[in-house]
Every structure is written in C-alpha cells, then in structure tokens.
Amino acid sequence: MSKIIFTLLVSNLCFTTLQSAEHREAKELFIDAKCMSCHNDRDFTPKEKMQDYKTLHKAVNACRYANNIEWFDDESVQVTKYLNHKYYKFEVKD
C-alpha cells in the first residue's frame, strides 16, 4: 500500500512542477507582450465578461491578433491557461 501512495505523491509532484513551469513560461509571454499596458487586474476579475474557457481563449486570440503579438498557437493556449489559472478558474474541457 505504501508504494501506491508514494507513486501517487511522486506523480502529483511531477504534474505540479510541470504545471508550474508551464505557467511561468506563459506569464513571461504575457509580460513580454506588454498585455498589462492595456489591461489591469480588474479587467480580468469580472466573470460577466467571460462565460467560459472557450470565450477566454477567443479573447486572448483577439488581443493577440489586434496587437500583432507573434505567439504560436500553443503559446496562445498557454497564456489562456495561465489567465484561467490566475483569474477565472473555468473548467477546461479538452
């Protein structure tokens, strides 16, 4: 039984570390794109503007294209996940 618990703990630690690294990279993309020159934390808090994760991703891409931000599609997804993790907490359906 202790091997199972150990395995679960190690797996959870690895997942958390990977997720943390992904959020750090997304935060760097967000900062480098100077998103906060147009936005502030209050812009991300009212959930009335964002109904779900899909709407959030569309908004990220709209800003990306409107401001000629040169992100790859997967980077846009990373930034969406970062904003979701930090502000919205929407359920993500793959």
PDB file of N, CA and C in Angstrom:
ATOM      1  N   MET A   1       0.811  -1.194   0.000  1.00  0.00           N
ATOM      2  CA  MET A   1       0.000   0.000   0.000  1.00  0.00           C
ATOM      3  C   MET A   1       0.860   1.266   0.000  1.00  0.00           C
ATOM      4  N   SER A   2       1.962   1.281   0.724  1.00  0.00           N
ATOM      5  CA  SER A   2       2.799   2.470   0.786  1.00  0.00           C
ATOM      6  C   SER A   2       3.445   2.787  -0.563  1.00  0.00           C
ATOM      7  N   LYS A   3       3.686   1.759  -1.390  1.00  0.00           N
ATOM      8  CA  LYS A   3       4.242   2.004  -2.725  1.00  0.00           C
ATOM      9  C   LYS A   3       3.241   2.771  -3.589  1.00  0.00           C
ATOM     10  N   ILE A   4       1.985   2.442  -3.442  1.00  0.00           N
ATOM     11  CA  ILE A   4       0.942   3.124  -4.213  1.00  0.00           C
ATOM     12  C   ILE A   4       0.871   4.590  -3.796  1.00  0.00           C
ATOM     13  N   ILE A   5       0.870   4.842  -2.509  1.00  0.00           N
ATOM     14  CA  ILE A   5       0.819   6.212  -2.013  1.00  0.00           C
ATOM     15  C   ILE A   5       2.052   6.981  -2.470  1.00  0.00           C
ATOM     16  N   PHE A   6       3.216   6.370  -2.375  1.00  0.00           N
ATOM     17  CA  PHE A   6       4.452   7.016  -2.818  1.00  0.00           C
ATOM     18  C   PHE A   6       4.379   7.359  -4.300  1.00  0.00           C
ATOM     19  N   THR A   7       3.908   6.415  -5.099  1.00  0.00           N
ATOM     20  CA  THR A   7       3.782   6.629  -6.541  1.00  0.00           C
ATOM     21  C   THR A   7       2.823   7.779  -6.831  1.00  0.00           C
ATOM     22  N   LEU A   8       1.705   7.833  -6.120  1.00  0.00           N
ATOM     23  CA  LEU A   8       0.746   8.916  -6.315  1.00  0.00           C
ATOM     24  C   LEU A   8       1.343  10.265  -5.914  1.00  0.00           C
ATOM     25  N   LEU A   9       2.063  10.292  -4.820  1.00  0.00           N
ATOM     26  CA  LEU A   9       2.699  11.538  -4.386  1.00  0.00           C
ATOM     27  C   LEU A   9       3.740  12.025  -5.387  1.00  0.00           C
ATOM     28  N   VAL A  10       4.564  11.115  -5.884  1.00  0.00           N
ATOM     29  CA  VAL A  10       5.581  11.480  -6.876  1.00  0.00           C
ATOM     30  C   VAL A  10       4.919  11.955  -8.166  1.00  0.00           C
ATOM     31  N   SER A  11       3.885  11.259  -8.595  1.00  0.00           N
ATOM     32  CA  SER A  11       3.161  11.654  -9.807  1.00  0.00           C
ATOM     33  C   SER A  11       2.557  13.045  -9.649  1.00  0.00           C
ATOM     34  N   ASN A  12       1.964  13.293  -8.503  1.00  0.00           N
ATOM     35  CA  ASN A  12       1.362  14.598  -8.234  1.00  0.00           C
ATOM     36  C   ASN A  12       2.428  15.696  -8.218  1.00  0.00           C
ATOM     37  N   LEU A  13       3.560  15.412  -7.608  1.00  0.00           N
ATOM     38  CA  LEU A  13       4.656  16.380  -7.562  1.00  0.00           C
ATOM     39  C   LEU A  13       5.156  16.697  -8.971  1.00  0.00           C
ATOM     40  N   CYS A  14       5.326  15.681  -9.784  1.00  0.00           N
ATOM     41  CA  CYS A  14       5.786  15.886 -11.169  1.00  0.00           C
ATOM     42  C   CYS A  14       4.788  16.722 -11.956  1.00  0.00           C
ATOM     43  N   PHE A  15       3.501  16.413 -11.800  1.00  0.00           N
ATOM     44  CA  PHE A  15       2.463  17.155 -12.513  1.00  0.00           C
ATOM     45  C   PHE A  15       2.455  18.612 -12.064  1.00  0.00           C
ATOM     46  N   THR A  16       2.541  18.834 -10.751  1.00  0.00           N
ATOM     47  CA  THR A  16       2.538  20.193 -10.206  1.00  0.00           C
ATOM     48  C   THR A  16       3.747  20.978 -10.690  1.00  0.00           C
ATOM     49  N   THR A  17       4.907  20.345 -10.717  1.00  0.00           N
ATOM     50  CA  THR A  17       6.126  21.001 -11.189  1.00  0.00           C
ATOM     51  C   THR A  17       6.002  21.357 -12.665  1.00  0.00           C
ATOM     52  N   LEU A  18       5.491  20.444 -13.465  1.00  0.00           N
ATOM     53  CA  LEU A  18       5.293  20.693 -14.895  1.00  0.00           C
ATOM     54  C   LEU A  18       4.303  21.827 -15.111  1.00  0.00           C
ATOM     55  N   GLN A  19       3.211  21.799 -14.373  1.00  0.00           N
ATOM     56  CA  GLN A  19       2.197  22.835 -14.498  1.00  0.00           C
ATOM     57  C   GLN A  19       2.759  24.193 -14.078  1.00  0.00           C
ATOM     58  N   SER A  20       3.534  24.209 -13.020  1.00  0.00           N
ATOM     59  CA  SER A  20       4.148  25.444 -12.546  1.00  0.00           C
ATOM     60  C   SER A  20       5.104  26.018 -13.596  1.00  0.00           C
ATOM     61  N   ALA A  21       5.901  25.159 -14.209  1.00  0.00           N
ATOM     62  CA  ALA A  21       6.828  25.609 -15.261  1.00  0.00           C
ATOM     63  C   ALA A  21       6.051  26.159 -16.453  1.00  0.00           C
ATOM     64  N   GLU A  22       4.951  25.515 -16.797  1.00  0.00           N
ATOM     65  CA  GLU A  22       4.134  25.978 -17.920  1.00  0.00           C
ATOM     66  C   GLU A  22       3.546  27.355 -17.615  1.00  0.00           C
ATOM     67  N   HIS A  23       3.088  27.553 -16.384  1.00  0.00           N
ATOM     68  CA  HIS A  23       2.540  28.859 -16.003  1.00  0.00           C
ATOM     69  C   HIS A  23       3.614  29.943 -16.000  1.00  0.00           C
ATOM     70  N   ARG A  24       4.838  29.594 -15.589  1.00  0.00           N
ATOM     71  CA  ARG A  24       5.935  30.568 -15.619  1.00  0.00           C
ATOM     72  C   ARG A  24       6.218  31.012 -17.049  1.00  0.00           C
ATOM     73  N   GLU A  25       6.264  30.045 -17.967  1.00  0.00           N
ATOM     74  CA  GLU A  25       6.506  30.375 -19.375  1.00  0.00           C
ATOM     75  C   GLU A  25       5.388  31.254 -19.922  1.00  0.00           C
ATOM     76  N   ALA A  26       4.151  30.921 -19.590  1.00  0.00           N
ATOM     77  CA  ALA A  26       3.006  31.697 -20.072  1.00  0.00           C
ATOM     78  C   ALA A  26       3.027  33.099 -19.478  1.00  0.00           C
ATOM     79  N   LYS A  27       3.407  33.220 -18.207  1.00  0.00           N
ATOM     80  CA  LYS A  27       3.497  34.534 -17.571  1.00  0.00           C
ATOM     81  C   LYS A  27       4.549  35.390 -18.277  1.00  0.00           C
ATOM     82  N   GLU A  28       5.672  34.776 -18.657  1.00  0.00           N
ATOM     83  CA  GLU A  28       6.710  35.500 -19.392  1.00  0.00           C
ATOM     84  C   GLU A  28       6.190  35.977 -20.745  1.00  0.00           C
ATOM     85  N   LEU A  29       5.440  35.124 -21.449  1.00  0.00           N
ATOM     86  CA  LEU A  29       4.848  35.520 -22.729  1.00  0.00           C
ATOM     87  C   LEU A  29       3.909  36.708 -22.529  1.00  0.00           C
ATOM     88  N   PHE A  30       3.100  36.620 -21.489  1.00  0.00           N
ATOM     89  CA  PHE A  30       2.136  37.666 -21.150  1.00  0.00           C
ATOM     90  C   PHE A  30       2.858  38.983 -20.853  1.00  0.00           C
ATOM     91  N   ILE A  31       3.922  38.914 -20.078  1.00  0.00           N
ATOM     92  CA  ILE A  31       4.692  40.111 -19.726  1.00  0.00           C
ATOM     93  C   ILE A  31       5.401  40.676 -20.953  1.00  0.00           C
ATOM     94  N   ASP A  32       6.042  39.800 -21.721  1.00  0.00           N
ATOM     95  CA  ASP A  32       6.770  40.250 -22.917  1.00  0.00           C
ATOM     96  C   ASP A  32       5.847  40.910 -23.941  1.00  0.00           C
ATOM     97  N   ALA A  33       4.603  40.466 -23.996  1.00  0.00           N
ATOM     98  CA  ALA A  33       3.636  41.040 -24.939  1.00  0.00           C
ATOM     99  C   ALA A  33       3.080  42.372 -24.434  1.00  0.00           C
ATOM    100  N   LYS A  34       3.475  42.742 -23.197  1.00  0.00           N
ATOM    101  CA  LYS A  34       3.040  44.008 -22.591  1.00  0.00           C
ATOM    102  C   LYS A  34       1.510  44.111 -22.485  1.00  0.00           C
ATOM    103  N   CYS A  35       0.889  42.987 -22.158  1.00  0.00           N
ATOM    104  CA  CYS A  35      -0.575  42.944 -22.042  1.00  0.00           C
ATOM    105  C   CYS A  35      -1.097  43.917 -20.993  1.00  0.00           C
ATOM    106  N   MET A  36      -0.314  44.119 -19.928  1.00  0.00           N
ATOM    107  CA  MET A  36      -0.769  44.996 -18.856  1.00  0.00           C
ATOM    108  C   MET A  36      -0.650  46.483 -19.219  1.00  0.00           C
ATOM    109  N   SER A  37      -0.123  46.782 -20.400  1.00  0.00           N
ATOM    110  CA  SER A  37      -0.138  48.180 -20.833  1.00  0.00           C
ATOM    111  C   SER A  37      -1.559  48.584 -21.231  1.00  0.00           C
ATOM    112  N   CYS A  38      -2.387  47.621 -21.580  1.00  0.00           N
ATOM    113  CA  CYS A  38      -3.796  47.884 -21.898  1.00  0.00           C
ATOM    114  C   CYS A  38      -4.737  47.409 -20.792  1.00  0.00           C
ATOM    115  N   HIS A  39      -4.310  46.420 -20.030  1.00  0.00           N
ATOM    116  CA  HIS A  39      -5.163  45.799 -19.017  1.00  0.00           C
ATOM    117  C   HIS A  39      -4.602  46.037 -17.627  1.00  0.00           C
ATOM    118  N   ASN A  40      -5.463  45.821 -16.630  1.00  0.00           N
ATOM    119  CA  ASN A  40      -5.033  45.759 -15.237  1.00  0.00           C
ATOM    120  C   ASN A  40      -5.769  44.583 -14.589  1.00  0.00           C
ATOM    121  N   ASP A  41      -5.410  44.259 -13.367  1.00  0.00           N
ATOM    122  CA  ASP A  41      -6.007  43.086 -12.716  1.00  0.00           C
ATOM    123  C   ASP A  41      -7.527  43.136 -12.678  1.00  0.00           C
ATOM    124  N   ARG A  42      -8.089  44.320 -12.548  1.00  0.00           N
ATOM    125  CA  ARG A  42      -9.558  44.440 -12.504  1.00  0.00           C
ATOM    126  C   ARG A  42     -10.208  44.005 -13.812  1.00  0.00           C
ATOM    127  N   ASP A  43      -9.509  44.143 -14.914  1.00  0.00           N
ATOM    128  CA  ASP A  43     -10.065  43.724 -16.203  1.00  0.00           C
ATOM    129  C   ASP A  43     -10.290  42.219 -16.258  1.00  0.00           C
ATOM    130  N   PHE A  44      -9.567  41.490 -15.458  1.00  0.00           N
ATOM    131  CA  PHE A  44      -9.649  40.031 -15.501  1.00  0.00           C
ATOM    132  C   PHE A  44     -10.563  39.452 -14.429  1.00  0.00           C
ATOM    133  N   THR A  45     -11.042  40.262 -13.517  1.00  0.00           N
ATOM    134  CA  THR A  45     -11.816  39.705 -12.417  1.00  0.00           C
ATOM    135  C   THR A  45     -13.318  39.606 -12.658  1.00  0.00           C
ATOM    136  N   PRO A  46     -13.954  40.500 -13.377  1.00  0.00           N
ATOM    137  CA  PRO A  46     -15.406  40.316 -13.522  1.00  0.00           C
ATOM    138  C   PRO A  46     -15.727  39.163 -14.470  1.00  0.00           C
ATOM    139  N   LYS A  47     -16.313  38.127 -13.919  1.00  0.00           N
ATOM    140  CA  LYS A  47     -16.613  36.953 -14.741  1.00  0.00           C
ATOM    141  C   LYS A  47     -17.748  37.214 -15.729  1.00  0.00           C
ATOM    142  N   GLU A  48     -18.438  38.327 -15.588  1.00  0.00           N
ATOM    143  CA  GLU A  48     -19.529  38.622 -16.518  1.00  0.00           C
ATOM    144  C   GLU A  48     -19.010  38.746 -17.951  1.00  0.00           C
ATOM    145  N   LYS A  49     -17.755  39.202 -18.094  1.00  0.00           N
ATOM    146  CA  LYS A  49     -17.171  39.385 -19.426  1.00  0.00           C
ATOM    147  C   LYS A  49     -16.787  38.053 -20.063  1.00  0.00           C
ATOM    148  N   MET A  50     -16.470  37.073 -19.245  1.00  0.00           N
ATOM    149  CA  MET A  50     -16.037  35.764 -19.736  1.00  0.00           C
ATOM    150  C   MET A  50     -16.990  34.699 -19.215  1.00  0.00           C
ATOM    151  N   GLN A  51     -17.649  34.012 -20.124  1.00  0.00           N
ATOM    152  CA  GLN A  51     -18.599  32.992 -19.702  1.00  0.00           C
ATOM    153  C   GLN A  51     -17.938  31.637 -19.449  1.00  0.00           C
ATOM    154  N   ASP A  52     -16.853  31.382 -20.198  1.00  0.00           N
ATOM    155  CA  ASP A  52     -16.229  30.068 -20.094  1.00  0.00           C
ATOM    156  C   ASP A  52     -14.809  30.115 -20.675  1.00  0.00           C
ATOM    157  N   TYR A  53     -14.131  28.990 -20.615  1.00  0.00           N
ATOM    158  CA  TYR A  53     -12.745  28.897 -21.086  1.00  0.00           C
ATOM    159  C   TYR A  53     -12.639  29.209 -22.579  1.00  0.00           C
ATOM    160  N   LYS A  54     -13.598  28.731 -23.350  1.00  0.00           N
ATOM    161  CA  LYS A  54     -13.575  28.950 -24.803  1.00  0.00           C
ATOM    162  C   LYS A  54     -13.653  30.444 -25.130  1.00  0.00           C
ATOM    163  N   THR A  55     -14.497  31.176 -24.423  1.00  0.00           N
ATOM    164  CA  THR A  55     -14.619  32.619 -24.615  1.00  0.00           C
ATOM    165  C   THR A  55     -13.322  33.324 -24.228  1.00  0.00           C
ATOM    166  N   LEU A  56     -12.701  32.860 -23.146  1.00  0.00           N
ATOM    167  CA  LEU A  56     -11.420  33.417 -22.714  1.00  0.00           C
ATOM    168  C   LEU A  56     -10.360  33.228 -23.789  1.00  0.00           C
ATOM    169  N   HIS A  57     -10.306  32.030 -24.359  1.00  0.00           N
ATOM    170  CA  HIS A  57      -9.306  31.758 -25.401  1.00  0.00           C
ATOM    171  C   HIS A  57      -9.543  32.637 -26.632  1.00  0.00           C
ATOM    172  N   LYS A  58     -10.801  32.831 -26.983  1.00  0.00           N
ATOM    173  CA  LYS A  58     -11.121  33.726 -28.111  1.00  0.00           C
ATOM    174  C   LYS A  58     -10.665  35.147 -27.814  1.00  0.00           C
ATOM    175  N   ALA A  59     -10.839  35.600 -26.579  1.00  0.00           N
ATOM    176  CA  ALA A  59     -10.422  36.952 -26.199  1.00  0.00           C
ATOM    177  C   ALA A  59      -8.903  37.093 -26.250  1.00  0.00           C
ATOM    178  N   VAL A  60      -8.191  36.071 -25.791  1.00  0.00           N
ATOM    179  CA  VAL A  60      -6.722  36.096 -25.852  1.00  0.00           C
ATOM    180  C   VAL A  60      -6.275  36.202 -27.306  1.00  0.00           C
ATOM    181  N   ASN A  61      -6.878  35.397 -28.168  1.00  0.00           N
ATOM    182  CA  ASN A  61      -6.508  35.451 -29.584  1.00  0.00           C
ATOM    183  C   ASN A  61      -6.892  36.773 -30.230  1.00  0.00           C
ATOM    184  N   ALA A  62      -8.008  37.353 -29.823  1.00  0.00           N
ATOM    185  CA  ALA A  62      -8.413  38.656 -30.375  1.00  0.00           C
ATOM    186  C   ALA A  62      -7.365  39.715 -30.030  1.00  0.00           C
ATOM    187  N   CYS A  63      -6.902  39.717 -28.778  1.00  0.00           N
ATOM    188  CA  CYS A  63      -5.843  40.664 -28.387  1.00  0.00           C
ATOM    189  C   CYS A  63      -4.554  40.361 -29.132  1.00  0.00           C
ATOM    190  N   ARG A  64      -4.269  39.085 -29.256  1.00  0.00           N
ATOM    191  CA  ARG A  64      -3.047  38.654 -29.954  1.00  0.00           C
ATOM    192  C   ARG A  64      -3.011  39.191 -31.374  1.00  0.00           C
ATOM    193  N   TYR A  65      -4.098  38.997 -32.100  1.00  0.00           N
ATOM    194  CA  TYR A  65      -4.119  39.430 -33.499  1.00  0.00           C
ATOM    195  C   TYR A  65      -4.232  40.944 -33.635  1.00  0.00           C
ATOM    196  N   ALA A  66      -5.015  41.580 -32.769  1.00  0.00           N
ATOM    197  CA  ALA A  66      -5.193  43.032 -32.840  1.00  0.00           C
ATOM    198  C   ALA A  66      -3.884  43.772 -32.551  1.00  0.00           C
ATOM    199  N   ASN A  67      -3.030  43.161 -31.756  1.00  0.00           N
ATOM    200  CA  ASN A  67      -1.779  43.812 -31.368  1.00  0.00           C
ATOM    201  C   ASN A  67      -0.553  43.204 -32.042  1.00  0.00           C
ATOM    202  N   ASN A  68      -0.781  42.377 -33.044  1.00  0.00           N
ATOM    203  CA  ASN A  68       0.309  41.733 -33.795  1.00  0.00           C
ATOM    204  C   ASN A  68       1.321  41.034 -32.886  1.00  0.00           C
ATOM    205  N   ILE A  69       0.820  40.315 -31.900  1.00  0.00           N
ATOM    206  CA  ILE A  69       1.687  39.568 -30.991  1.00  0.00           C
ATOM    207  C   ILE A  69       2.065  38.269 -31.680  1.00  0.00           C
ATOM    208  N   GLU A  70       3.332  38.027 -31.791  1.00  0.00           N
ATOM    209  CA  GLU A  70       3.815  36.877 -32.544  1.00  0.00           C
ATOM    210  C   GLU A  70       3.961  35.641 -31.664  1.00  0.00           C
ATOM    211  N   TRP A  71       2.813  35.110 -31.246  1.00  0.00           N
ATOM    212  CA  TRP A  71       2.777  33.854 -30.500  1.00  0.00           C
ATOM    213  C   TRP A  71       2.388  32.745 -31.459  1.00  0.00           C
ATOM    214  N   PHE A  72       2.930  31.567 -31.214  1.00  0.00           N
ATOM    215  CA  PHE A  72       2.432  30.375 -31.885  1.00  0.00           C
ATOM    216  C   PHE A  72       1.102  30.019 -31.225  1.00  0.00           C
ATOM    217  N   ASP A  73       0.310  29.189 -31.887  1.00  0.00           N
ATOM    218  CA  ASP A  73      -0.989  28.801 -31.341  1.00  0.00           C
ATOM    219  C   ASP A  73      -0.859  28.156 -29.959  1.00  0.00           C
ATOM    220  N   ASP A  74       0.167  27.322 -29.775  1.00  0.00           N
ATOM    221  CA  ASP A  74       0.324  26.667 -28.474  1.00  0.00           C
ATOM    222  C   ASP A  74       0.701  27.676 -27.389  1.00  0.00           C
ATOM    223  N   GLU A  75       1.379  28.738 -27.742  1.00  0.00           N
ATOM    224  CA  GLU A  75       1.702  29.780 -26.772  1.00  0.00           C
ATOM    225  C   GLU A  75       0.449  30.550 -26.375  1.00  0.00           C
ATOM    226  N   SER A  76      -0.428  30.768 -27.335  1.00  0.00           N
ATOM    227  CA  SER A  76      -1.704  31.408 -27.040  1.00  0.00           C
ATOM    228  C   SER A  76      -2.519  30.544 -26.071  1.00  0.00           C
ATOM    229  N   VAL A  77      -2.483  29.243 -26.275  1.00  0.00           N
ATOM    230  CA  VAL A  77      -3.170  28.316 -25.368  1.00  0.00           C
ATOM    231  C   VAL A  77      -2.539  28.397 -23.972  1.00  0.00           C
ATOM    232  N   GLN A  78      -1.212  28.453 -23.911  1.00  0.00           N
ATOM    233  CA  GLN A  78      -0.518  28.560 -22.622  1.00  0.00           C
ATOM    234  C   GLN A  78      -0.940  29.820 -21.874  1.00  0.00           C
ATOM    235  N   VAL A  79      -1.005  30.942 -22.573  1.00  0.00           N
ATOM    236  CA  VAL A  79      -1.402  32.202 -21.943  1.00  0.00           C
ATOM    237  C   VAL A  79      -2.858  32.115 -21.472  1.00  0.00           C
ATOM    238  N   THR A  80      -3.706  31.497 -22.260  1.00  0.00           N
ATOM    239  CA  THR A  80      -5.102  31.306 -21.856  1.00  0.00           C
ATOM    240  C   THR A  80      -5.172  30.468 -20.587  1.00  0.00           C
ATOM    241  N   LYS A  81      -4.403  29.398 -20.543  1.00  0.00           N
ATOM    242  CA  LYS A  81      -4.397  28.546 -19.346  1.00  0.00           C
ATOM    243  C   LYS A  81      -3.871  29.313 -18.134  1.00  0.00           C
ATOM    244  N   TYR A  82      -2.856  30.125 -18.357  1.00  0.00           N
ATOM    245  CA  TYR A  82      -2.297  30.946 -17.279  1.00  0.00           C
ATOM    246  C   TYR A  82      -3.351  31.909 -16.723  1.00  0.00           C
ATOM    247  N   LEU A  83      -4.023  32.633 -17.608  1.00  0.00           N
ATOM    248  CA  LEU A  83      -5.050  33.577 -17.163  1.00  0.00           C
ATOM    249  C   LEU A  83      -6.201  32.849 -16.479  1.00  0.00           C
ATOM    250  N   ASN A  84      -6.555  31.698 -17.008  1.00  0.00           N
ATOM    251  CA  ASN A  84      -7.608  30.904 -16.392  1.00  0.00           C
ATOM    252  C   ASN A  84      -7.203  30.465 -14.990  1.00  0.00           C
ATOM    253  N   HIS A  85      -5.971  30.010 -14.858  1.00  0.00           N
ATOM    254  CA  HIS A  85      -5.462  29.565 -13.557  1.00  0.00           C
ATOM    255  C   HIS A  85      -5.403  30.731 -12.568  1.00  0.00           C
ATOM    256  N   LYS A  86      -4.945  31.875 -13.029  1.00  0.00           N
ATOM    257  CA  LYS A  86      -4.749  33.021 -12.140  1.00  0.00           C
ATOM    258  C   LYS A  86      -6.052  33.730 -11.780  1.00  0.00           C
ATOM    259  N   TYR A  87      -6.972  33.858 -12.730  1.00  0.00           N
ATOM    260  CA  TYR A  87      -8.150  34.689 -12.516  1.00  0.00           C
ATOM    261  C   TYR A  87      -9.495  33.965 -12.561  1.00  0.00           C
ATOM    262  N   TYR A  88      -9.706  33.095 -13.524  1.00  0.00           N
ATOM    263  CA  TYR A  88     -11.062  32.642 -13.816  1.00  0.00           C
ATOM    264  C   TYR A  88     -11.460  31.296 -13.225  1.00  0.00           C
ATOM    265  N   LYS A  89     -10.595  30.352 -13.274  1.00  0.00           N
ATOM    266  CA  LYS A  89     -10.854  29.003 -12.723  1.00  0.00           C
ATOM    267  C   LYS A  89     -11.978  28.266 -13.456  1.00  0.00           C
ATOM    268  N   PHE A  90     -12.053  28.502 -14.784  1.00  0.00           N
ATOM    269  CA  PHE A  90     -13.050  27.773 -15.569  1.00  0.00           C
ATOM    270  C   PHE A  90     -12.642  26.319 -15.706  1.00  0.00           C
ATOM    271  N   GLU A  91     -13.621  25.461 -15.853  1.00  0.00           N
ATOM    272  CA  GLU A  91     -13.334  24.051 -16.147  1.00  0.00           C
ATOM    273  C   GLU A  91     -12.837  23.977 -17.583  1.00  0.00           C
ATOM    274  N   VAL A  92     -11.739  23.255 -17.771  1.00  0.00           N
ATOM    275  CA  VAL A  92     -11.143  23.128 -19.101  1.00  0.00           C
ATOM    276  C   VAL A  92     -11.522  21.772 -19.662  1.00  0.00           C
ATOM    277  N   LYS A  93     -12.205  21.794 -20.805  1.00  0.00           N
ATOM    278  CA  LYS A  93     -12.605  20.555 -21.473  1.00  0.00           C
ATOM    279  C   LYS A  93     -11.736  20.374 -22.696  1.00  0.00           C
ATOM    280  N   ASP A  94     -10.960  19.316 -22.726  1.00  0.00           N
ATOM    281  CA  ASP A  94     -10.060  19.062 -23.863  1.00  0.00           C
ATOM    282  C   ASP A  94     -10.770  18.453 -25.029  1.00  0.00           C
TER     283      ASP A  94
END
